[in-house]
Amino acid sequence: MAGKDTHNLKLESAPDEEHHKTLFGGGGDPLENRKLLNFWARFIISVANAVTFLILLYLLFYAEVQEASRDLVNILVGTYVAILVKITDYWFKDKRDQEHEEHMNGKT
């Protein structure tokens, strides 16, 4: 019977160890799911800003824009240059990961 009890303990612990992970979260550890969803949200916002910047550049250099609107497009391009600098800092600058620290504090 002792072998049977050990076997049951292994079966009970096996589902906890094995999580079905997806690219967008949804399975497993809630902290890992939040990390994945935060990554995708930040990635989509970054891509949307980059696409907006490219559209503004197209409007500035290739499209027929009225003179009054061209000044506004120039201002927006300058603003988006600053936004792209901040996005680049976010993705490539060494930083503290609060979620990683939360995960490590939870394990201790």
N, C-alpha and C. Protein backbone atom coordinates (compact mmCIF):
# COMPACT_ATOMS: atom_id res chain seq x y z
N MET A 1 0.80 -1.19 0.00
CA MET A 1 0.00 0.00 0.00
C MET A 1 0.85 1.26 0.00
N ALA A 2 2.04 1.15 0.57
CA ALA A 2 2.90 2.33 0.61
C ALA A 2 3.27 2.77 -0.79
N GLY A 3 3.50 1.83 -1.68
CA GLY A 3 3.82 2.17 -3.06
C GLY A 3 2.65 2.85 -3.75
N LYS A 4 1.44 2.41 -3.40
CA LYS A 4 0.25 3.00 -3.99
C LYS A 4 0.08 4.45 -3.53
N ASP A 5 0.33 4.74 -2.26
CA ASP A 5 0.23 6.09 -1.75
C ASP A 5 1.26 7.00 -2.39
N THR A 6 2.49 6.50 -2.57
CA THR A 6 3.54 7.29 -3.22
C THR A 6 3.14 7.61 -4.65
N HIS A 7 2.56 6.62 -5.32
CA HIS A 7 2.13 6.82 -6.70
C HIS A 7 1.05 7.90 -6.77
N ASN A 8 0.12 7.88 -5.83
CA ASN A 8 -0.94 8.90 -5.81
C ASN A 8 -0.37 10.29 -5.56
N LEU A 9 0.63 10.40 -4.72
CA LEU A 9 1.25 11.70 -4.48
C LEU A 9 1.91 12.23 -5.74
N LYS A 10 2.55 11.35 -6.49
CA LYS A 10 3.17 11.78 -7.74
C LYS A 10 2.13 12.24 -8.74
N LEU A 11 1.01 11.54 -8.79
CA LEU A 11 -0.04 11.94 -9.73
C LEU A 11 -0.63 13.29 -9.34
N GLU A 12 -0.76 13.54 -8.05
CA GLU A 12 -1.32 14.81 -7.61
C GLU A 12 -0.37 15.97 -7.88
N SER A 13 0.94 15.74 -7.79
CA SER A 13 1.88 16.83 -7.99
C SER A 13 2.22 17.04 -9.47
N ALA A 14 1.97 16.06 -10.30
CA ALA A 14 2.34 16.18 -11.71
C ALA A 14 1.61 17.32 -12.43
N PRO A 15 0.29 17.50 -12.24
CA PRO A 15 -0.36 18.61 -12.96
C PRO A 15 0.17 19.98 -12.55
N ASP A 16 0.63 20.13 -11.30
CA ASP A 16 1.16 21.42 -10.87
C ASP A 16 2.48 21.74 -11.57
N GLU A 17 3.29 20.72 -11.82
CA GLU A 17 4.59 20.93 -12.45
C GLU A 17 4.46 21.18 -13.94
N GLU A 18 3.43 20.63 -14.54
CA GLU A 18 3.29 20.70 -15.99
C GLU A 18 2.22 21.73 -16.35
N HIS A 19 2.65 22.87 -16.87
CA HIS A 19 1.72 23.93 -17.27
C HIS A 19 1.67 23.99 -18.78
N HIS A 20 0.49 24.20 -19.30
CA HIS A 20 0.34 24.37 -20.74
C HIS A 20 0.51 25.84 -21.05
N LYS A 21 1.68 26.18 -21.56
CA LYS A 21 1.97 27.58 -21.83
C LYS A 21 1.61 27.90 -23.28
N THR A 22 1.11 29.11 -23.46
CA THR A 22 0.84 29.59 -24.80
C THR A 22 1.62 30.87 -25.01
N LEU A 23 1.61 31.35 -26.22
CA LEU A 23 2.34 32.56 -26.55
C LEU A 23 1.76 33.79 -25.88
N PHE A 24 0.47 33.77 -25.59
CA PHE A 24 -0.21 34.91 -25.01
C PHE A 24 -0.61 34.69 -23.55
N GLY A 25 -0.04 33.70 -22.89
CA GLY A 25 -0.42 33.40 -21.51
C GLY A 25 -1.62 32.48 -21.51
N GLY A 26 -2.28 32.40 -20.38
CA GLY A 26 -3.50 31.62 -20.31
C GLY A 26 -3.35 30.26 -19.67
N GLY A 27 -2.14 29.82 -19.41
CA GLY A 27 -1.96 28.54 -18.75
C GLY A 27 -0.80 28.61 -17.79
N GLY A 28 -0.99 28.05 -16.63
CA GLY A 28 0.11 27.99 -15.70
C GLY A 28 0.09 29.07 -14.64
N ASP A 29 1.27 29.51 -14.30
CA ASP A 29 1.48 30.46 -13.21
C ASP A 29 0.87 31.83 -13.54
N PRO A 30 0.08 32.41 -12.65
CA PRO A 30 -0.53 33.72 -12.92
C PRO A 30 0.51 34.83 -13.14
N LEU A 31 1.65 34.76 -12.44
CA LEU A 31 2.69 35.76 -12.63
C LEU A 31 3.28 35.67 -14.04
N GLU A 32 3.51 34.45 -14.51
CA GLU A 32 4.03 34.27 -15.87
C GLU A 32 3.01 34.75 -16.91
N ASN A 33 1.73 34.48 -16.67
CA ASN A 33 0.69 34.96 -17.59
C ASN A 33 0.69 36.47 -17.66
N ARG A 34 0.81 37.13 -16.49
CA ARG A 34 0.83 38.60 -16.48
C ARG A 34 2.05 39.13 -17.20
N LYS A 35 3.20 38.47 -17.02
CA LYS A 35 4.42 38.90 -17.72
C LYS A 35 4.23 38.80 -19.23
N LEU A 36 3.65 37.69 -19.70
CA LEU A 36 3.43 37.53 -21.14
C LEU A 36 2.45 38.56 -21.68
N LEU A 37 1.37 38.78 -20.96
CA LEU A 37 0.38 39.76 -21.44
C LEU A 37 0.96 41.18 -21.42
N ASN A 38 1.75 41.51 -20.39
CA ASN A 38 2.40 42.82 -20.36
C ASN A 38 3.38 42.97 -21.51
N PHE A 39 4.13 41.91 -21.83
CA PHE A 39 5.06 41.98 -22.95
C PHE A 39 4.32 42.27 -24.25
N TRP A 40 3.24 41.53 -24.50
CA TRP A 40 2.51 41.72 -25.76
C TRP A 40 1.85 43.09 -25.81
N ALA A 41 1.34 43.58 -24.69
CA ALA A 41 0.74 44.91 -24.68
C ALA A 41 1.79 45.97 -25.01
N ARG A 42 2.96 45.87 -24.39
CA ARG A 42 4.04 46.84 -24.66
C ARG A 42 4.53 46.72 -26.09
N PHE A 43 4.62 45.50 -26.59
CA PHE A 43 5.08 45.28 -27.96
C PHE A 43 4.11 45.89 -28.96
N ILE A 44 2.82 45.68 -28.75
CA ILE A 44 1.81 46.21 -29.68
C ILE A 44 1.80 47.74 -29.64
N ILE A 45 1.94 48.33 -28.45
CA ILE A 45 2.00 49.79 -28.35
C ILE A 45 3.24 50.31 -29.08
N SER A 46 4.36 49.64 -28.94
CA SER A 46 5.59 50.05 -29.62
C SER A 46 5.45 49.98 -31.13
N VAL A 47 4.86 48.90 -31.62
CA VAL A 47 4.65 48.75 -33.07
C VAL A 47 3.69 49.81 -33.59
N ALA A 48 2.63 50.10 -32.85
CA ALA A 48 1.67 51.12 -33.26
C ALA A 48 2.34 52.49 -33.34
N ASN A 49 3.20 52.81 -32.39
CA ASN A 49 3.91 54.08 -32.44
C ASN A 49 4.88 54.14 -33.62
N ALA A 50 5.56 53.05 -33.90
CA ALA A 50 6.49 53.03 -35.04
C ALA A 50 5.73 53.19 -36.36
N VAL A 51 4.60 52.53 -36.49
CA VAL A 51 3.79 52.65 -37.72
C VAL A 51 3.27 54.08 -37.86
N THR A 52 2.83 54.69 -36.77
CA THR A 52 2.36 56.08 -36.81
C THR A 52 3.48 57.02 -37.26
N PHE A 53 4.69 56.78 -36.75
CA PHE A 53 5.84 57.59 -37.15
C PHE A 53 6.11 57.45 -38.64
N LEU A 54 6.05 56.23 -39.16
CA LEU A 54 6.27 56.03 -40.59
C LEU A 54 5.19 56.70 -41.43
N ILE A 55 3.97 56.68 -40.98
CA ILE A 55 2.88 57.37 -41.69
C ILE A 55 3.13 58.87 -41.70
N LEU A 56 3.57 59.41 -40.56
CA LEU A 56 3.87 60.85 -40.49
C LEU A 56 5.02 61.21 -41.43
N LEU A 57 6.03 60.36 -41.50
CA LEU A 57 7.13 60.63 -42.45
C LEU A 57 6.63 60.60 -43.89
N TYR A 58 5.77 59.66 -44.20
CA TYR A 58 5.19 59.60 -45.54
C TYR A 58 4.42 60.89 -45.83
N LEU A 59 3.61 61.33 -44.88
CA LEU A 59 2.85 62.56 -45.08
C LEU A 59 3.77 63.77 -45.27
N LEU A 60 4.88 63.78 -44.54
CA LEU A 60 5.79 64.91 -44.60
C LEU A 60 6.53 64.99 -45.93
N PHE A 61 6.98 63.85 -46.44
CA PHE A 61 7.85 63.88 -47.61
C PHE A 61 7.20 63.49 -48.93
N TYR A 62 6.13 62.69 -48.91
CA TYR A 62 5.61 62.18 -50.17
C TYR A 62 4.18 62.58 -50.49
N ALA A 63 3.39 62.93 -49.50
CA ALA A 63 1.98 63.24 -49.75
C ALA A 63 1.80 64.73 -50.00
N GLU A 64 0.74 65.03 -50.71
CA GLU A 64 0.35 66.43 -50.92
C GLU A 64 -0.42 66.90 -49.70
N VAL A 65 0.21 67.76 -48.91
CA VAL A 65 -0.40 68.25 -47.68
C VAL A 65 -0.45 69.77 -47.77
N GLN A 66 -1.56 70.36 -47.32
CA GLN A 66 -1.68 71.82 -47.33
C GLN A 66 -0.60 72.41 -46.43
N GLU A 67 -0.25 73.65 -46.71
CA GLU A 67 0.84 74.32 -45.96
C GLU A 67 0.54 74.41 -44.47
N ALA A 68 -0.69 74.73 -44.12
CA ALA A 68 -1.04 74.83 -42.69
C ALA A 68 -0.94 73.46 -42.01
N SER A 69 -1.32 72.42 -42.71
CA SER A 69 -1.25 71.06 -42.15
C SER A 69 0.19 70.56 -42.09
N ARG A 70 1.03 71.03 -43.01
CA ARG A 70 2.44 70.59 -43.02
C ARG A 70 3.15 71.01 -41.73
N ASP A 71 2.82 72.20 -41.20
CA ASP A 71 3.40 72.62 -39.93
C ASP A 71 3.00 71.67 -38.80
N LEU A 72 1.76 71.26 -38.79
CA LEU A 72 1.29 70.31 -37.78
C LEU A 72 2.00 68.96 -37.92
N VAL A 73 2.19 68.51 -39.15
CA VAL A 73 2.90 67.24 -39.39
C VAL A 73 4.34 67.36 -38.90
N ASN A 74 4.99 68.50 -39.13
CA ASN A 74 6.36 68.71 -38.62
C ASN A 74 6.41 68.61 -37.10
N ILE A 75 5.45 69.21 -36.44
CA ILE A 75 5.40 69.15 -34.98
C ILE A 75 5.20 67.71 -34.51
N LEU A 76 4.30 67.00 -35.18
CA LEU A 76 4.04 65.61 -34.79
C LEU A 76 5.25 64.71 -35.03
N VAL A 77 5.98 64.94 -36.12
CA VAL A 77 7.20 64.16 -36.38
C VAL A 77 8.21 64.40 -35.26
N GLY A 78 8.39 65.65 -34.85
CA GLY A 78 9.30 65.95 -33.75
C GLY A 78 8.89 65.27 -32.46
N THR A 79 7.59 65.25 -32.20
CA THR A 79 7.07 64.58 -31.00
C THR A 79 7.32 63.08 -31.07
N TYR A 80 7.10 62.50 -32.23
CA TYR A 80 7.27 61.06 -32.36
C TYR A 80 8.73 60.64 -32.33
N VAL A 81 9.64 61.53 -32.68
CA VAL A 81 11.06 61.21 -32.51
C VAL A 81 11.37 61.01 -31.03
N ALA A 82 10.83 61.89 -30.19
CA ALA A 82 11.03 61.74 -28.74
C ALA A 82 10.37 60.46 -28.23
N ILE A 83 9.20 60.13 -28.74
CA ILE A 83 8.51 58.91 -28.32
C ILE A 83 9.32 57.68 -28.72
N LEU A 84 9.87 57.67 -29.93
CA LEU A 84 10.67 56.53 -30.37
C LEU A 84 11.95 56.38 -29.57
N VAL A 85 12.53 57.50 -29.12
CA VAL A 85 13.71 57.43 -28.24
C VAL A 85 13.34 56.75 -26.93
N LYS A 86 12.19 57.11 -26.36
CA LYS A 86 11.76 56.49 -25.11
C LYS A 86 11.45 55.00 -25.30
N ILE A 87 10.86 54.64 -26.42
CA ILE A 87 10.59 53.23 -26.71
C ILE A 87 11.89 52.45 -26.83
N THR A 88 12.86 53.03 -27.52
CA THR A 88 14.17 52.38 -27.66
C THR A 88 14.84 52.23 -26.30
N ASP A 89 14.75 53.24 -25.46
CA ASP A 89 15.29 53.13 -24.10
C ASP A 89 14.60 52.01 -23.33
N TYR A 90 13.31 51.90 -23.48
CA TYR A 90 12.58 50.87 -22.76
C TYR A 90 13.06 49.48 -23.16
N TRP A 91 13.18 49.23 -24.47
CA TRP A 91 13.50 47.88 -24.93
C TRP A 91 14.97 47.52 -24.74
N PHE A 92 15.88 48.49 -24.83
CA PHE A 92 17.30 48.16 -24.86
C PHE A 92 18.10 48.64 -23.66
N LYS A 93 17.50 49.42 -22.78
CA LYS A 93 18.22 49.91 -21.61
C LYS A 93 18.12 48.87 -20.49
N ASP A 94 19.23 48.66 -19.78
CA ASP A 94 19.24 47.73 -18.66
C ASP A 94 18.39 48.30 -17.53
N LYS A 95 17.45 47.51 -17.02
CA LYS A 95 16.52 48.03 -16.03
C LYS A 95 16.18 46.95 -15.01
N ARG A 96 15.60 47.39 -13.89
CA ARG A 96 15.08 46.47 -12.88
C ARG A 96 13.73 45.96 -13.34
N ASP A 97 13.53 44.68 -13.20
CA ASP A 97 12.25 44.08 -13.56
C ASP A 97 11.46 43.83 -12.28
N GLN A 98 10.45 44.62 -12.02
CA GLN A 98 9.67 44.50 -10.79
C GLN A 98 8.95 43.16 -10.70
N GLU A 99 8.51 42.64 -11.84
CA GLU A 99 7.82 41.36 -11.84
C GLU A 99 8.79 40.23 -11.48
N HIS A 100 10.04 40.33 -11.95
CA HIS A 100 11.03 39.32 -11.60
C HIS A 100 11.33 39.36 -10.10
N GLU A 101 11.44 40.56 -9.55
CA GLU A 101 11.68 40.69 -8.11
C GLU A 101 10.50 40.16 -7.32
N GLU A 102 9.27 40.40 -7.80
CA GLU A 102 8.08 39.88 -7.13
C GLU A 102 8.11 38.36 -7.14
N HIS A 103 8.50 37.78 -8.26
CA HIS A 103 8.56 36.33 -8.39
C HIS A 103 9.61 35.75 -7.45
N MET A 104 10.77 36.40 -7.35
CA MET A 104 11.83 35.92 -6.48
C MET A 104 11.45 36.07 -5.01
N ASN A 105 10.77 37.14 -4.66
CA ASN A 105 10.33 37.35 -3.27
C ASN A 105 9.25 36.35 -2.87
N GLY A 106 8.44 35.95 -3.84
CA GLY A 106 7.41 34.96 -3.57
C GLY A 106 7.96 33.58 -3.31
N LYS A 107 9.12 33.26 -3.88
CA LYS A 107 9.72 31.94 -3.71
C LYS A 107 10.47 31.80 -2.40
N THR A 108 10.89 32.93 -1.79
CA THR A 108 11.68 32.83 -0.56
C THR A 108 10.83 32.65 0.66
